[in-house]
N, C-alpha and C. Protein backbone atom coordinates (compact mmCIF):
# COMPACT_ATOMS: atom_id res chain seq x y z
N MET A 1 -15.97 -126.69 -33.30
CA MET A 1 -15.54 -125.91 -32.17
C MET A 1 -16.64 -124.91 -31.81
N ALA A 2 -16.94 -124.81 -30.56
CA ALA A 2 -17.91 -123.81 -30.10
C ALA A 2 -17.50 -123.33 -28.71
N GLU A 3 -17.71 -122.06 -28.48
CA GLU A 3 -17.49 -121.45 -27.17
C GLU A 3 -18.75 -120.68 -26.83
N TRP A 4 -19.12 -120.64 -25.56
CA TRP A 4 -20.30 -119.90 -25.16
C TRP A 4 -20.09 -119.29 -23.80
N THR A 5 -20.88 -118.27 -23.55
CA THR A 5 -20.82 -117.61 -22.25
C THR A 5 -21.67 -118.39 -21.26
N LYS A 6 -21.32 -118.28 -20.00
CA LYS A 6 -22.13 -118.87 -18.93
C LYS A 6 -22.90 -117.70 -18.30
N PRO A 7 -24.19 -117.64 -18.55
CA PRO A 7 -24.94 -116.48 -18.07
C PRO A 7 -25.09 -116.46 -16.55
N ILE A 8 -24.97 -115.29 -16.00
CA ILE A 8 -25.25 -115.11 -14.58
C ILE A 8 -26.46 -114.19 -14.40
N GLY A 9 -27.13 -113.95 -15.48
CA GLY A 9 -28.33 -113.11 -15.51
C GLY A 9 -28.68 -112.85 -16.96
N GLY A 10 -29.70 -112.08 -17.16
CA GLY A 10 -30.08 -111.71 -18.51
C GLY A 10 -30.94 -112.76 -19.19
N PHE A 11 -30.97 -112.69 -20.52
CA PHE A 11 -31.86 -113.53 -21.30
C PHE A 11 -31.16 -114.26 -22.45
N PHE A 12 -29.87 -113.99 -22.65
CA PHE A 12 -29.18 -114.50 -23.84
C PHE A 12 -27.84 -115.14 -23.50
N ILE A 13 -27.46 -116.08 -24.36
CA ILE A 13 -26.14 -116.69 -24.34
C ILE A 13 -25.44 -116.26 -25.63
N TRP A 14 -24.17 -115.97 -25.53
CA TRP A 14 -23.35 -115.60 -26.69
C TRP A 14 -22.59 -116.85 -27.12
N LEU A 15 -22.80 -117.28 -28.36
CA LEU A 15 -22.19 -118.49 -28.89
C LEU A 15 -21.22 -118.11 -30.01
N LYS A 16 -20.02 -118.66 -29.96
CA LYS A 16 -19.01 -118.42 -30.98
C LYS A 16 -18.65 -119.77 -31.59
N ILE A 17 -18.78 -119.88 -32.94
CA ILE A 17 -18.50 -121.14 -33.61
C ILE A 17 -17.33 -120.98 -34.58
N ASN A 18 -17.07 -122.01 -35.38
CA ASN A 18 -15.95 -121.99 -36.31
C ASN A 18 -15.89 -120.69 -37.09
N LYS A 19 -14.70 -120.13 -37.20
CA LYS A 19 -14.51 -118.83 -37.83
C LYS A 19 -14.94 -118.81 -39.30
N GLU A 20 -14.88 -119.96 -39.97
CA GLU A 20 -15.23 -119.98 -41.40
C GLU A 20 -16.74 -120.00 -41.65
N ILE A 21 -17.54 -120.09 -40.61
CA ILE A 21 -18.99 -120.12 -40.77
C ILE A 21 -19.58 -118.74 -40.56
N ASP A 22 -20.38 -118.29 -41.51
CA ASP A 22 -21.10 -117.02 -41.40
C ASP A 22 -22.50 -117.33 -40.89
N THR A 23 -22.82 -116.90 -39.70
CA THR A 23 -24.11 -117.24 -39.09
C THR A 23 -25.29 -116.56 -39.79
N ASP A 24 -25.05 -115.48 -40.51
CA ASP A 24 -26.11 -114.89 -41.34
C ASP A 24 -26.53 -115.87 -42.43
N LEU A 25 -25.54 -116.48 -43.07
CA LEU A 25 -25.81 -117.42 -44.16
C LEU A 25 -26.38 -118.74 -43.65
N MET A 26 -26.05 -119.09 -42.43
CA MET A 26 -26.51 -120.35 -41.83
C MET A 26 -27.97 -120.26 -41.34
N LEU A 27 -28.43 -119.05 -41.05
CA LEU A 27 -29.74 -118.84 -40.44
C LEU A 27 -30.91 -119.48 -41.20
N PRO A 28 -31.00 -119.35 -42.53
CA PRO A 28 -32.14 -119.97 -43.24
C PRO A 28 -32.23 -121.49 -43.02
N ASN A 29 -31.08 -122.16 -42.95
CA ASN A 29 -31.09 -123.60 -42.69
C ASN A 29 -31.58 -123.92 -41.29
N ALA A 30 -31.21 -123.09 -40.33
CA ALA A 30 -31.68 -123.30 -38.96
C ALA A 30 -33.19 -123.07 -38.88
N ILE A 31 -33.68 -122.03 -39.53
CA ILE A 31 -35.12 -121.72 -39.50
C ILE A 31 -35.91 -122.86 -40.14
N LYS A 32 -35.41 -123.42 -41.25
CA LYS A 32 -36.10 -124.55 -41.90
C LYS A 32 -36.26 -125.73 -40.94
N ARG A 33 -35.34 -125.85 -39.98
CA ARG A 33 -35.38 -126.96 -39.03
C ARG A 33 -36.05 -126.58 -37.71
N GLY A 34 -36.56 -125.35 -37.65
CA GLY A 34 -37.32 -124.93 -36.48
C GLY A 34 -36.56 -124.20 -35.40
N VAL A 35 -35.35 -123.73 -35.71
CA VAL A 35 -34.54 -123.01 -34.72
C VAL A 35 -34.28 -121.59 -35.22
N MET A 36 -34.51 -120.62 -34.36
CA MET A 36 -34.27 -119.22 -34.68
C MET A 36 -33.23 -118.67 -33.73
N TYR A 37 -32.34 -117.83 -34.25
CA TYR A 37 -31.35 -117.15 -33.43
C TYR A 37 -31.07 -115.79 -34.06
N VAL A 38 -30.32 -114.98 -33.35
CA VAL A 38 -29.92 -113.68 -33.88
C VAL A 38 -28.43 -113.75 -34.20
N PRO A 39 -28.06 -113.54 -35.48
CA PRO A 39 -26.63 -113.50 -35.80
C PRO A 39 -25.93 -112.40 -34.99
N GLY A 40 -24.72 -112.68 -34.57
CA GLY A 40 -24.01 -111.77 -33.67
C GLY A 40 -23.44 -110.52 -34.30
N LYS A 41 -23.37 -110.45 -35.62
CA LYS A 41 -22.76 -109.29 -36.29
C LYS A 41 -23.32 -107.95 -35.81
N GLY A 42 -24.62 -107.91 -35.58
CA GLY A 42 -25.26 -106.66 -35.19
C GLY A 42 -24.89 -106.17 -33.81
N PHE A 43 -24.16 -106.97 -33.04
CA PHE A 43 -23.80 -106.60 -31.67
C PHE A 43 -22.31 -106.31 -31.52
N CYS A 44 -21.57 -106.34 -32.62
CA CYS A 44 -20.12 -106.11 -32.58
C CYS A 44 -19.78 -104.84 -33.35
N ILE A 45 -18.78 -104.15 -32.86
CA ILE A 45 -18.37 -102.91 -33.52
C ILE A 45 -17.00 -103.06 -34.17
N ASN A 46 -16.01 -103.44 -33.41
CA ASN A 46 -14.64 -103.44 -33.92
C ASN A 46 -14.00 -104.82 -34.03
N GLU A 47 -14.75 -105.87 -33.92
CA GLU A 47 -14.14 -107.19 -34.00
C GLU A 47 -14.89 -108.08 -34.98
N TYR A 48 -14.28 -109.17 -35.34
CA TYR A 48 -14.87 -110.13 -36.25
C TYR A 48 -15.96 -110.90 -35.51
N CYS A 49 -17.18 -110.83 -36.00
CA CYS A 49 -18.29 -111.50 -35.31
C CYS A 49 -19.20 -112.27 -36.26
N SER A 50 -18.78 -112.52 -37.47
CA SER A 50 -19.62 -113.23 -38.42
C SER A 50 -19.92 -114.66 -37.99
N ASN A 51 -19.14 -115.18 -37.06
CA ASN A 51 -19.30 -116.55 -36.59
C ASN A 51 -19.93 -116.61 -35.19
N THR A 52 -20.71 -115.61 -34.85
CA THR A 52 -21.31 -115.57 -33.52
C THR A 52 -22.84 -115.57 -33.59
N ILE A 53 -23.44 -116.02 -32.48
CA ILE A 53 -24.89 -116.15 -32.38
C ILE A 53 -25.33 -115.68 -31.01
N ARG A 54 -26.44 -115.00 -30.97
CA ARG A 54 -27.08 -114.61 -29.71
C ARG A 54 -28.30 -115.51 -29.53
N LEU A 55 -28.27 -116.34 -28.49
CA LEU A 55 -29.33 -117.32 -28.24
C LEU A 55 -30.14 -116.92 -27.01
N ASN A 56 -31.44 -116.90 -27.15
CA ASN A 56 -32.33 -116.59 -26.04
C ASN A 56 -32.62 -117.85 -25.24
N PHE A 57 -32.58 -117.73 -23.91
CA PHE A 57 -32.93 -118.87 -23.06
C PHE A 57 -34.05 -118.54 -22.08
N SER A 58 -34.67 -117.37 -22.22
CA SER A 58 -35.68 -116.95 -21.24
C SER A 58 -37.09 -117.44 -21.57
N PHE A 59 -37.37 -117.76 -22.82
CA PHE A 59 -38.73 -118.16 -23.20
C PHE A 59 -38.91 -119.67 -23.35
N PRO A 60 -38.01 -120.37 -24.07
CA PRO A 60 -38.23 -121.80 -24.29
C PRO A 60 -38.06 -122.62 -23.02
N SER A 61 -38.73 -123.78 -23.00
CA SER A 61 -38.58 -124.71 -21.88
C SER A 61 -37.21 -125.38 -21.96
N VAL A 62 -36.83 -126.07 -20.91
CA VAL A 62 -35.55 -126.77 -20.89
C VAL A 62 -35.52 -127.82 -22.01
N ASN A 63 -36.61 -128.54 -22.21
CA ASN A 63 -36.66 -129.54 -23.28
C ASN A 63 -36.55 -128.89 -24.66
N GLN A 64 -37.19 -127.74 -24.85
CA GLN A 64 -37.08 -127.03 -26.13
C GLN A 64 -35.65 -126.56 -26.36
N ILE A 65 -34.99 -126.12 -25.31
CA ILE A 65 -33.59 -125.68 -25.41
C ILE A 65 -32.72 -126.86 -25.82
N ARG A 66 -32.91 -128.00 -25.16
CA ARG A 66 -32.11 -129.19 -25.51
C ARG A 66 -32.30 -129.58 -26.97
N LEU A 67 -33.55 -129.61 -27.41
CA LEU A 67 -33.85 -129.95 -28.80
C LEU A 67 -33.25 -128.91 -29.75
N GLY A 68 -33.39 -127.65 -29.41
CA GLY A 68 -32.85 -126.57 -30.24
C GLY A 68 -31.34 -126.65 -30.37
N ILE A 69 -30.65 -126.97 -29.30
CA ILE A 69 -29.19 -127.11 -29.34
C ILE A 69 -28.79 -128.30 -30.21
N ALA A 70 -29.54 -129.40 -30.10
CA ALA A 70 -29.25 -130.57 -30.94
C ALA A 70 -29.42 -130.22 -32.42
N ILE A 71 -30.50 -129.53 -32.74
CA ILE A 71 -30.74 -129.12 -34.13
C ILE A 71 -29.67 -128.14 -34.60
N LEU A 72 -29.35 -127.16 -33.76
CA LEU A 72 -28.33 -126.17 -34.13
C LEU A 72 -26.98 -126.85 -34.35
N SER A 73 -26.67 -127.85 -33.55
CA SER A 73 -25.43 -128.61 -33.73
C SER A 73 -25.39 -129.27 -35.10
N GLU A 74 -26.52 -129.84 -35.52
CA GLU A 74 -26.59 -130.47 -36.84
C GLU A 74 -26.41 -129.43 -37.96
N VAL A 75 -27.03 -128.28 -37.80
CA VAL A 75 -26.91 -127.22 -38.80
C VAL A 75 -25.44 -126.77 -38.91
N ILE A 76 -24.78 -126.61 -37.78
CA ILE A 76 -23.37 -126.22 -37.79
C ILE A 76 -22.52 -127.30 -38.44
N ARG A 77 -22.77 -128.56 -38.08
CA ARG A 77 -22.02 -129.67 -38.70
C ARG A 77 -22.22 -129.68 -40.22
N ASP A 78 -23.43 -129.43 -40.66
CA ASP A 78 -23.71 -129.39 -42.11
C ASP A 78 -22.88 -128.31 -42.80
N CYS A 79 -22.64 -127.21 -42.11
CA CYS A 79 -21.86 -126.11 -42.69
C CYS A 79 -20.36 -126.44 -42.76
N THR A 80 -19.91 -127.38 -41.96
CA THR A 80 -18.48 -127.69 -41.93
C THR A 80 -18.13 -128.91 -42.78
N LYS A 81 -19.14 -129.56 -43.37
CA LYS A 81 -18.87 -130.71 -44.23
C LYS A 81 -18.28 -130.26 -45.56
N ASP A 82 -17.33 -130.98 -46.03
CA ASP A 82 -16.74 -130.66 -47.34
C ASP A 82 -17.36 -131.49 -48.43
């Protein structure tokens, strides 16, 4: 499960994934595969945000974004395997 914002400006998309996944813990696996993101915890004050990600879309090309999303999907799937 994933939910994301539809940007109407700015440089970032807010991604929310399965509640049982901690994006801080997932980050090293994403980096090993060539994808970097900012865990969302640092942007939340009073709500649960351990399962959120801040993704930049202002620098990478469209093809890099597509590849990055595919890789990130695999990383997320790996976290949900039992």
